[in-house]
Every structure is written in structure tokens, then in C-alpha cells.
Amino acid sequence: TIRANSVQLENLATSLKTPMIG
């Protein structure tokens, strides 16, 4: 669903940001 995609996108963004900070 669109909602699930939105959550997945947010999770992906966080996942990408985490390694950057680390």
C-alpha cells in the first residue's frame, strides 16, 4: 500500500543517515 511505501521510504532515509553519522 502507499502507506507502507511511505514508511519504507522513511526507514530507508534513516538507514542512509545513520551510517553517514557513524
Protein backbone atom coordinates (compact mmCIF):
# COMPACT_ATOMS: atom_id res chain seq x y z
CA THR A 1 0.00 0.00 0.00
CA ILE A 2 1.01 3.63 -0.32
CA ARG A 3 1.20 3.96 3.44
CA ALA A 4 3.61 1.02 3.67
CA ASN A 5 5.74 2.57 0.93
CA SER A 6 5.88 5.84 2.86
CA VAL A 7 7.12 4.04 5.97
CA GLN A 8 9.65 2.09 3.91
CA LEU A 9 10.93 5.34 2.39
CA GLU A 10 11.31 6.92 5.81
CA ASN A 11 13.10 3.82 7.08
CA LEU A 12 15.43 3.91 4.09
CA ALA A 13 16.23 7.57 4.69
CA THR A 14 17.01 6.88 8.35
CA SER A 15 19.11 3.88 7.37
CA LEU A 16 21.10 6.04 4.98
CA LYS A 17 21.52 8.83 7.53
CA THR A 18 22.67 6.52 10.32
CA PRO A 19 25.81 5.19 8.57
CA MET A 20 26.65 8.73 7.48
CA ILE A 21 26.74 9.96 11.09
CA GLY A 22 28.55 6.85 12.27
